[in-house]
Amino acid sequence: MSRFAEPVFIAAGLRTPFGRGGGALAAYDAVSLSVPVVQAMAAKAEPDLLVWGTVIPNLGWSNIARETWLDAKLNPTVPAFSVVLACSTSMTATFAAAGMLGAGTDLTMVGGSEVMSRPSIALTADASKRLTDLFAQDATAALAALQSLTPRDYALPTKGWANRITGRTMGDHMEETAKAWRISREAQDNWALKSHQRAVAGWERGFFDDLVISLPELARDANPRADTSAERLAALKPAFDRDSGKGTLTAGNSSPITDGAAGCWVATEAGVARLPRGTPFARLIDYEVSAVDFHTEGLLMAPSYSIPRLLARHQLSFSDIALWEIHEAFAAQVLANVAAITDQEWVRGTAGVPAAMGDFDWDRVNPNGGSVAIGHPFGATGARDLSQAVKELWAMPAGSRGIVSVCADGGQGTVALLERP
């Protein structure tokens, strides 16, 4: 049984190559990096609606979706609006679009982008108030005050986009979760190595060729490393807990600072018919958006609540899922969430799901690599995950099911259940 009265489908879209922070794509901003993706997708079919998002704020716009669409010089009568839910932004966009299908809206383009290399530099609220009050009274004095601003007056992303409430980075929080779930450094490095190996192999055999557009500055993902190894990963020092001697998260087993944009399609059956023949698509059966109290639970552990609830709602076990596409904010985050959902006592007592889920098959997880290797431009990750999952499911028998899971800052997460038609 589907959540939707009429079938809803997600079709594979396009994305830019994902660039390293400070690298080939650093001269773009979130709008200009979105434009080539939107143009390339619109060349395949004009949507009835655009839903797009970015996470890092920019004072130059408030609705990145509309700005992107107009900068792409596409049909101005197509409406566009923006969403944001941290790392789940473009996945949330798919859920929003799915709920708006019907009454002439059959094909929607969804996605997002992030240029993490060039975050906007803003003033703190106090500094901004001082200056705006001065400008209202004496512009000359205000201009003079600008010259006397100190580093404390600026809101700089020096803490790696830390959680606003705790003031701590995602990595700081994930170190706590890794310790709580006894996720070893070796297990994290092993998963990171698999992510790189699978992403590199995916590129080599052409899996990404029809999912990634080439840009003048970059033709393929810059982050996957063919030359990495268990020894190289093991040699890296902890990146967050550097003092206790127990830190396990490193630059090698964490997703890197990344620039990129990605999109996918959300459509009715009539909308899918407007896409080029052979476009991979899957039915969106159901989804869940969850949240936890990150003062008592891990900041990135919300998917461990969503997944068992979603499966139980459809009377499914782990063996019924042919594909798991799990966003790798950190290797430890994937390992901890799977550790939770495979702990029957935890699932029953904490997630509130009494059903046993069976054995979990790690070979079905991220067969073409994940965010640790490919990269994690916040606003683009959900659409990248969904397009990748849809194409992977497309190669499987009809009826094959997939779970796509994305964790998000604020103790939130989004999970989708897909099925190969």
Protein backbone atom coordinates (compact mmCIF):
# COMPACT_ATOMS: atom_id res chain seq x y z
CA MET A 1 0.00 0.00 0.00
CA SER A 2 1.37 3.40 -0.99
CA ARG A 3 1.14 6.66 0.90
CA PHE A 4 -0.24 8.26 -2.27
CA ALA A 5 -3.68 7.85 -3.82
CA GLU A 6 -2.11 7.90 -7.29
CA PRO A 7 1.34 6.51 -8.16
CA VAL A 8 4.27 8.88 -7.64
CA PHE A 9 7.59 8.25 -9.35
CA ILE A 10 11.14 9.51 -8.86
CA ALA A 11 13.26 9.54 -12.01
CA ALA A 12 17.02 9.85 -12.23
CA GLY A 13 18.20 13.35 -13.00
CA LEU A 14 21.56 15.01 -13.50
CA ARG A 15 24.26 16.58 -11.38
CA THR A 16 27.55 18.36 -11.70
CA PRO A 17 30.75 16.58 -10.87
CA PHE A 18 31.38 17.12 -7.17
CA GLY A 19 34.48 19.24 -6.60
CA ARG A 20 36.86 19.44 -3.68
CA GLY A 21 36.56 22.38 -1.35
CA GLY A 22 38.65 25.24 -2.66
CA GLY A 23 39.07 23.40 -5.95
CA ALA A 24 37.81 23.59 -9.52
CA LEU A 25 34.26 24.72 -8.72
CA ALA A 26 35.06 27.19 -5.96
CA ALA A 27 34.48 30.24 -8.18
CA TYR A 28 30.77 29.40 -8.52
CA ASP A 29 28.00 30.23 -6.09
CA ALA A 30 24.98 28.05 -5.35
CA VAL A 31 22.88 29.70 -8.08
CA SER A 32 25.46 29.68 -10.87
CA LEU A 33 26.40 26.06 -10.12
CA SER A 34 22.72 25.06 -10.25
CA VAL A 35 22.09 26.70 -13.62
CA PRO A 36 23.86 24.13 -15.86
CA VAL A 37 22.08 21.25 -14.10
CA VAL A 38 18.68 22.88 -14.47
CA GLN A 39 19.36 23.76 -18.11
CA ALA A 40 20.50 20.23 -18.95
CA MET A 41 17.46 18.69 -17.28
CA ALA A 42 15.06 21.18 -18.87
CA ALA A 43 16.51 20.27 -22.27
CA LYS A 44 15.10 16.78 -21.68
CA ALA A 45 11.67 17.98 -20.54
CA GLU A 46 10.17 21.21 -19.26
CA PRO A 47 8.79 20.72 -15.76
CA ASP A 48 5.57 22.12 -14.39
CA LEU A 49 7.31 23.15 -11.16
CA LEU A 50 10.82 23.57 -9.78
CA VAL A 51 11.64 22.87 -6.11
CA TRP A 52 15.29 23.60 -5.21
CA GLY A 53 17.31 24.30 -2.12
CA THR A 54 20.60 25.25 -0.54
CA VAL A 55 21.68 25.17 3.09
CA ILE A 56 24.37 27.80 3.63
CA PRO A 57 22.56 31.17 3.73
CA ASN A 58 23.29 33.87 1.18
CA LEU A 59 22.07 37.46 1.49
CA GLY A 60 21.97 37.77 -2.31
CA TRP A 61 18.71 35.83 -2.63
CA SER A 62 15.87 34.35 -0.63
CA ASN A 63 14.42 31.92 -3.21
CA ILE A 64 17.28 30.10 -4.91
CA ALA A 65 14.85 28.04 -6.98
CA ARG A 66 13.37 31.04 -8.76
CA GLU A 67 16.71 32.81 -9.12
CA THR A 68 18.26 29.68 -10.66
CA TRP A 69 15.38 29.16 -13.06
CA LEU A 70 15.46 32.77 -14.29
CA ASP A 71 19.27 32.83 -14.55
CA ALA A 72 18.97 29.67 -16.66
CA LYS A 73 16.81 31.73 -19.05
CA LEU A 74 14.01 29.16 -19.05
CA ASN A 75 10.26 29.62 -19.35
CA PRO A 76 9.43 32.32 -16.76
CA THR A 77 5.88 31.02 -16.33
CA VAL A 78 7.13 27.88 -14.56
CA PRO A 79 6.81 28.48 -10.79
CA ALA A 80 9.70 27.73 -8.44
CA PHE A 81 10.13 27.68 -4.69
CA SER A 82 12.84 26.70 -2.23
CA VAL A 83 13.13 24.32 0.71
CA VAL A 84 15.79 23.71 3.33
CA LEU A 85 16.33 20.86 5.76
CA ALA A 86 20.09 20.75 6.27
CA CYS A 87 21.63 17.72 4.53
CA SER A 88 18.16 16.38 3.69
CA THR A 89 17.24 19.52 1.73
CA SER A 90 16.85 18.11 -1.78
CA MET A 91 15.31 14.87 -0.48
CA THR A 92 12.73 16.94 1.39
CA ALA A 93 12.17 18.78 -1.89
CA THR A 94 11.10 15.48 -3.47
CA PHE A 95 8.55 14.88 -0.72
CA ALA A 96 7.20 18.42 -1.08
CA ALA A 97 6.92 18.01 -4.85
CA ALA A 98 5.25 14.61 -4.50
CA GLY A 99 2.50 16.18 -2.42
CA MET A 100 1.85 18.82 -5.08
CA LEU A 101 1.33 16.49 -8.03
CA GLY A 102 -2.03 16.55 -9.77
CA ALA A 103 -4.30 19.22 -11.24
CA GLY A 104 -1.93 19.87 -14.13
CA THR A 105 1.31 19.38 -12.22
CA ASP A 106 2.68 16.10 -13.56
CA LEU A 107 6.41 16.66 -13.81
CA THR A 108 8.52 18.46 -11.22
CA MET A 109 12.25 19.11 -11.16
CA VAL A 110 13.77 19.00 -7.67
CA GLY A 111 17.26 19.34 -6.30
CA GLY A 112 19.77 21.63 -4.69
CA SER A 113 23.33 22.86 -4.60
CA GLU A 114 26.08 24.00 -2.28
CA VAL A 115 29.36 25.79 -2.77
CA MET A 116 30.97 25.04 0.55
CA SER A 117 34.19 26.69 -0.61
CA ARG A 118 32.64 30.15 -0.57
CA PRO A 119 30.23 30.58 2.36
CA SER A 120 28.89 34.08 2.82
CA ILE A 121 30.55 36.14 5.52
CA ALA A 122 27.97 37.93 7.64
CA LEU A 123 27.93 40.24 10.62
CA THR A 124 26.73 39.10 14.00
CA ALA A 125 23.31 40.35 15.07
CA ASP A 126 24.87 42.85 17.48
CA ALA A 127 27.25 44.28 14.88
CA SER A 128 24.49 44.47 12.29
CA LYS A 129 22.25 46.37 14.73
CA ARG A 130 25.00 48.86 15.55
CA LEU A 131 25.58 49.62 11.89
CA THR A 132 21.95 49.78 10.78
CA ASP A 133 21.12 52.06 13.71
CA LEU A 134 24.04 54.29 12.74
CA PHE A 135 23.02 54.37 9.06
CA ALA A 136 19.57 55.55 10.12
CA GLN A 137 21.14 58.45 12.00
CA ASP A 138 24.45 59.29 10.37
CA ALA A 139 25.73 57.53 7.26
CA THR A 140 29.21 59.04 7.67
CA ALA A 141 29.52 57.67 11.18
CA ALA A 142 28.27 54.30 10.00
CA LEU A 143 30.90 54.12 7.27
CA ALA A 144 33.55 54.98 9.81
CA ALA A 145 32.22 52.24 12.10
CA LEU A 146 32.62 49.74 9.27
CA GLN A 147 36.36 50.33 9.35
CA SER A 148 36.52 49.58 13.06
CA LEU A 149 34.83 46.15 12.93
CA THR A 150 36.76 43.39 14.68
CA PRO A 151 36.84 39.64 13.99
CA ARG A 152 34.27 39.18 16.76
CA ASP A 153 31.76 41.18 14.71
CA TYR A 154 31.73 38.63 11.88
CA ALA A 155 29.82 35.38 11.68
CA LEU A 156 32.47 33.16 10.12
CA PRO A 157 32.05 29.44 9.33
CA THR A 158 35.19 28.68 11.33
CA LYS A 159 33.58 25.85 13.28
CA GLY A 160 32.62 23.78 10.27
CA TRP A 161 28.97 24.82 10.24
CA ALA A 162 28.44 23.95 13.87
CA ASN A 163 25.01 23.25 15.31
CA ARG A 164 23.61 26.60 16.46
CA ILE A 165 22.33 25.37 19.81
CA THR A 166 25.32 23.34 20.93
CA GLY A 167 28.02 25.29 19.11
CA ARG A 168 29.63 21.98 18.22
CA THR A 169 30.37 20.55 14.77
CA MET A 170 28.75 17.49 13.23
CA GLY A 171 32.05 15.68 13.74
CA ASP A 172 32.15 16.57 17.43
CA HIS A 173 28.67 15.14 17.87
CA MET A 174 29.46 12.08 15.78
CA GLU A 175 32.52 11.31 17.90
CA GLU A 176 30.19 10.98 20.89
CA THR A 177 27.84 8.72 18.94
CA ALA A 178 30.70 6.55 17.69
CA LYS A 179 31.87 6.04 21.27
CA ALA A 180 28.31 5.33 22.50
CA TRP A 181 27.79 2.67 19.83
CA ARG A 182 31.37 1.34 20.07
CA ILE A 183 32.12 2.02 16.42
CA SER A 184 35.81 1.33 16.01
CA ARG A 185 38.32 3.32 13.98
CA GLU A 186 39.09 0.19 11.97
CA ALA A 187 35.42 -0.30 11.04
CA GLN A 188 35.14 3.33 9.96
CA ASP A 189 38.27 3.17 7.83
CA ASN A 190 37.13 -0.10 6.26
CA TRP A 191 33.82 1.44 5.25
CA ALA A 192 35.52 4.57 3.92
CA LEU A 193 37.83 2.41 1.82
CA LYS A 194 34.86 0.54 0.35
CA SER A 195 33.15 3.83 -0.44
CA HIS A 196 36.18 5.05 -2.43
CA GLN A 197 36.70 1.71 -4.16
CA ARG A 198 33.06 1.49 -5.20
CA ALA A 199 32.87 5.09 -6.41
CA VAL A 200 36.05 4.70 -8.45
CA ALA A 201 34.76 1.42 -9.92
CA GLY A 202 31.43 3.09 -10.74
CA TRP A 203 33.21 5.79 -12.71
CA GLU A 204 35.43 3.28 -14.47
CA ARG A 205 32.56 1.14 -15.70
CA GLY A 206 30.49 4.15 -16.80
CA PHE A 207 27.78 4.05 -14.15
CA PHE A 208 27.94 7.82 -13.63
CA ASP A 209 28.22 8.81 -17.28
CA ASP A 210 24.52 9.60 -17.78
CA LEU A 211 24.07 11.02 -14.27
CA VAL A 212 26.83 13.65 -14.35
CA ILE A 213 27.20 16.57 -16.75
CA SER A 214 30.67 17.79 -17.60
CA LEU A 215 31.63 21.35 -16.67
CA PRO A 216 34.49 23.31 -18.26
CA GLU A 217 36.40 23.15 -14.97
CA LEU A 218 35.67 19.54 -14.03
CA ALA A 219 34.50 16.43 -15.88
CA ARG A 220 34.18 13.90 -13.05
CA ASP A 221 34.04 13.77 -9.27
CA ALA A 222 37.27 15.03 -7.73
CA ASN A 223 36.97 13.37 -4.33
CA PRO A 224 37.08 9.57 -4.96
CA ARG A 225 40.66 8.34 -4.54
CA ALA A 226 41.83 5.33 -6.51
CA ASP A 227 45.12 5.40 -4.62
CA THR A 228 43.74 5.21 -1.08
CA SER A 229 44.33 2.15 1.06
CA ALA A 230 43.71 0.79 4.52
CA GLU A 231 47.24 1.81 5.47
CA ARG A 232 46.83 5.39 4.27
CA LEU A 233 43.50 5.77 6.06
CA ALA A 234 44.93 4.30 9.25
CA ALA A 235 47.79 6.82 9.20
CA LEU A 236 45.48 9.86 9.41
CA LYS A 237 45.09 11.65 12.73
CA PRO A 238 41.70 12.26 14.39
CA ALA A 239 40.06 15.41 13.02
CA PHE A 240 37.67 16.25 15.87
CA ASP A 241 38.63 14.56 19.14
CA ARG A 242 42.34 15.31 19.01
CA ASP A 243 43.13 15.29 22.71
CA SER A 244 41.54 12.32 24.45
CA GLY A 245 43.50 9.66 22.58
CA LYS A 246 40.17 8.01 21.73
CA GLY A 247 39.17 10.00 18.65
CA THR A 248 38.23 7.87 15.64
CA LEU A 249 36.81 10.29 13.04
CA THR A 250 39.39 11.47 10.51
CA ALA A 251 39.47 13.38 7.25
CA GLY A 252 39.55 9.99 5.54
CA ASN A 253 36.42 8.47 7.06
CA SER A 254 34.35 11.68 7.04
CA SER A 255 32.65 13.33 4.06
CA PRO A 256 34.80 16.17 2.67
CA ILE A 257 33.99 19.83 2.07
CA THR A 258 32.45 19.70 -1.40
CA ASP A 259 30.98 21.92 -4.12
CA GLY A 260 28.21 20.56 -6.35
CA ALA A 261 24.62 20.65 -7.57
CA ALA A 262 22.18 17.84 -8.29
CA GLY A 263 18.63 17.31 -9.46
CA CYS A 264 16.09 14.57 -10.04
CA TRP A 265 12.48 14.29 -11.19
CA VAL A 266 9.25 13.69 -9.27
CA ALA A 267 6.34 12.80 -11.51
CA THR A 268 3.00 11.19 -12.11
CA GLU A 269 2.71 8.45 -14.71
CA ALA A 270 1.88 11.13 -17.28
CA GLY A 271 4.95 13.10 -16.19
CA VAL A 272 7.25 10.12 -16.59
CA ALA A 273 5.94 9.74 -20.16
CA ARG A 274 7.31 13.22 -20.92
CA LEU A 275 10.86 12.18 -20.06
CA PRO A 276 13.19 10.68 -22.67
CA ARG A 277 12.63 6.99 -23.27
CA GLY A 278 14.86 4.86 -21.09
CA THR A 279 15.10 7.31 -18.20
CA PRO A 280 15.40 5.19 -15.03
CA PHE A 281 12.56 5.70 -12.58
CA ALA A 282 11.15 4.07 -9.46
CA ARG A 283 7.89 4.37 -7.59
CA LEU A 284 7.94 6.32 -4.35
CA ILE A 285 5.93 4.04 -2.07
CA ASP A 286 6.32 5.90 1.21
CA TYR A 287 8.61 8.20 3.17
CA GLU A 288 9.25 9.32 6.69
CA VAL A 289 10.69 12.49 8.20
CA SER A 290 11.86 11.97 11.76
CA ALA A 291 13.47 13.93 14.57
CA VAL A 292 15.18 13.07 17.84
CA ASP A 293 16.23 15.01 20.91
CA PHE A 294 19.90 15.42 20.14
CA HIS A 295 20.62 16.31 23.76
CA THR A 296 19.94 12.67 24.63
CA GLU A 297 20.33 10.91 21.25
CA GLY A 298 23.01 11.20 18.58
CA LEU A 299 22.65 14.30 16.41
CA LEU A 300 22.65 12.21 13.21
CA MET A 301 20.67 9.18 14.45
CA ALA A 302 17.14 10.09 13.33
CA PRO A 303 17.20 7.63 10.38
CA SER A 304 17.45 4.76 12.87
CA TYR A 305 13.94 5.69 13.98
CA SER A 306 12.56 6.22 10.48
CA ILE A 307 13.83 3.02 8.90
CA PRO A 308 12.23 0.44 11.23
CA ARG A 309 8.98 2.41 11.35
CA LEU A 310 8.82 2.62 7.57
CA LEU A 311 9.57 -1.07 7.13
CA ALA A 312 7.09 -2.12 9.81
CA ARG A 313 4.39 0.00 8.22
CA HIS A 314 4.75 -2.11 5.08
CA GLN A 315 5.44 -5.39 6.86
CA LEU A 316 8.92 -5.62 5.36
CA SER A 317 12.13 -7.07 6.72
CA PHE A 318 15.74 -6.27 5.82
CA SER A 319 15.82 -9.13 3.32
CA ASP A 320 13.00 -7.46 1.37
CA ILE A 321 15.24 -4.49 0.61
CA ALA A 322 17.46 -5.09 -2.42
CA LEU A 323 19.25 -1.74 -2.17
CA TRP A 324 20.27 0.59 0.64
CA GLU A 325 21.45 4.05 -0.37
CA ILE A 326 22.60 5.59 2.91
CA HIS A 327 24.13 9.06 3.01
CA GLU A 328 27.62 8.88 4.46
CA ALA A 329 28.05 12.09 6.42
CA PHE A 330 30.63 10.01 8.28
CA ALA A 331 31.42 6.34 8.01
CA ALA A 332 30.63 6.17 11.72
CA GLN A 333 27.17 7.58 11.10
CA VAL A 334 26.30 4.78 8.66
CA LEU A 335 27.70 2.15 11.01
CA ALA A 336 25.95 3.57 14.07
CA ASN A 337 22.54 3.85 12.39
CA VAL A 338 22.77 0.28 11.09
CA ALA A 339 23.96 -0.90 14.50
CA ALA A 340 20.81 0.64 15.97
CA ILE A 341 18.32 -0.80 13.50
CA THR A 342 19.85 -4.26 13.81
CA ASP A 343 19.62 -4.18 17.62
CA GLN A 344 16.19 -5.69 18.16
CA GLU A 345 16.02 -4.60 21.78
CA TRP A 346 16.84 -1.01 20.79
CA VAL A 347 14.33 -1.04 17.92
CA ARG A 348 11.61 -2.33 20.21
CA GLY A 349 12.34 -0.15 23.21
CA THR A 350 13.50 3.09 21.60
CA ALA A 351 12.08 3.24 18.07
CA GLY A 352 8.88 1.59 19.27
CA VAL A 353 8.76 -1.14 16.60
CA PRO A 354 8.07 -4.65 17.91
CA ALA A 355 8.66 -6.52 14.64
CA ALA A 356 11.96 -8.35 14.08
CA MET A 357 13.70 -7.20 10.91
CA GLY A 358 16.02 -10.17 10.30
CA ASP A 359 19.59 -10.11 9.00
CA PHE A 360 21.13 -7.03 7.39
CA ASP A 361 23.12 -7.50 4.16
CA TRP A 362 25.97 -4.97 3.98
CA ASP A 363 26.69 -5.93 0.37
CA ARG A 364 23.47 -4.15 -0.64
CA VAL A 365 24.60 -0.78 0.77
CA ASN A 366 25.92 2.00 -1.49
CA PRO A 367 27.12 -0.23 -4.34
CA ASN A 368 28.56 2.76 -6.24
CA GLY A 369 30.02 4.59 -3.28
CA GLY A 370 28.65 7.21 -0.96
CA SER A 371 29.31 10.67 0.38
CA VAL A 372 32.60 9.83 2.10
CA ALA A 373 34.10 9.24 -1.35
CA ILE A 374 31.84 11.20 -3.72
CA GLY A 375 31.44 14.25 -1.50
CA HIS A 376 28.67 16.01 0.35
CA PRO A 377 27.50 19.41 -0.94
CA PHE A 378 24.70 19.82 1.61
CA GLY A 379 21.83 20.90 -0.63
CA ALA A 380 22.68 18.48 -3.44
CA THR A 381 23.14 15.24 -1.52
CA GLY A 382 19.51 14.07 -1.37
CA ALA A 383 19.00 14.41 -5.12
CA ARG A 384 22.34 12.71 -5.78
CA ASP A 385 21.38 9.81 -3.52
CA LEU A 386 17.95 9.45 -5.11
CA SER A 387 19.17 9.54 -8.72
CA GLN A 388 21.88 7.05 -7.92
CA ALA A 389 19.43 4.73 -6.13
CA VAL A 390 16.87 4.92 -8.92
CA LYS A 391 19.46 3.97 -11.53
CA GLU A 392 20.71 1.11 -9.36
CA LEU A 393 17.15 -0.18 -8.85
CA TRP A 394 16.47 0.16 -12.58
CA ALA A 395 18.99 -2.61 -13.24
CA MET A 396 17.17 -4.96 -10.86
CA PRO A 397 14.06 -7.09 -11.40
CA ALA A 398 10.61 -5.51 -11.24
CA GLY A 399 9.37 -5.28 -7.68
CA SER A 400 12.82 -4.75 -6.18
CA ARG A 401 12.72 -2.30 -3.29
CA GLY A 402 15.22 0.27 -2.11
CA ILE A 403 15.66 2.42 0.98
CA VAL A 404 17.26 5.85 0.67
CA SER A 405 18.29 7.45 3.96
CA VAL A 406 19.72 10.89 4.72
CA CYS A 407 20.58 12.24 8.18
CA ALA A 408 20.47 15.96 8.92
CA ASP A 409 21.67 18.52 11.43
CA GLY A 410 19.22 19.33 14.19
CA GLY A 411 18.62 15.66 14.99
CA GLN A 412 16.50 15.06 11.89
CA GLY A 413 16.43 12.58 9.04
CA THR A 414 14.53 11.56 5.92
CA VAL A 415 13.98 8.07 4.55
CA ALA A 416 12.23 6.96 1.34
CA LEU A 417 10.96 3.56 0.26
CA LEU A 418 11.27 3.02 -3.51
CA GLU A 419 10.14 0.17 -5.73
CA ARG A 420 11.23 -0.83 -9.23
CA PRO A 421 8.09 -0.81 -11.46
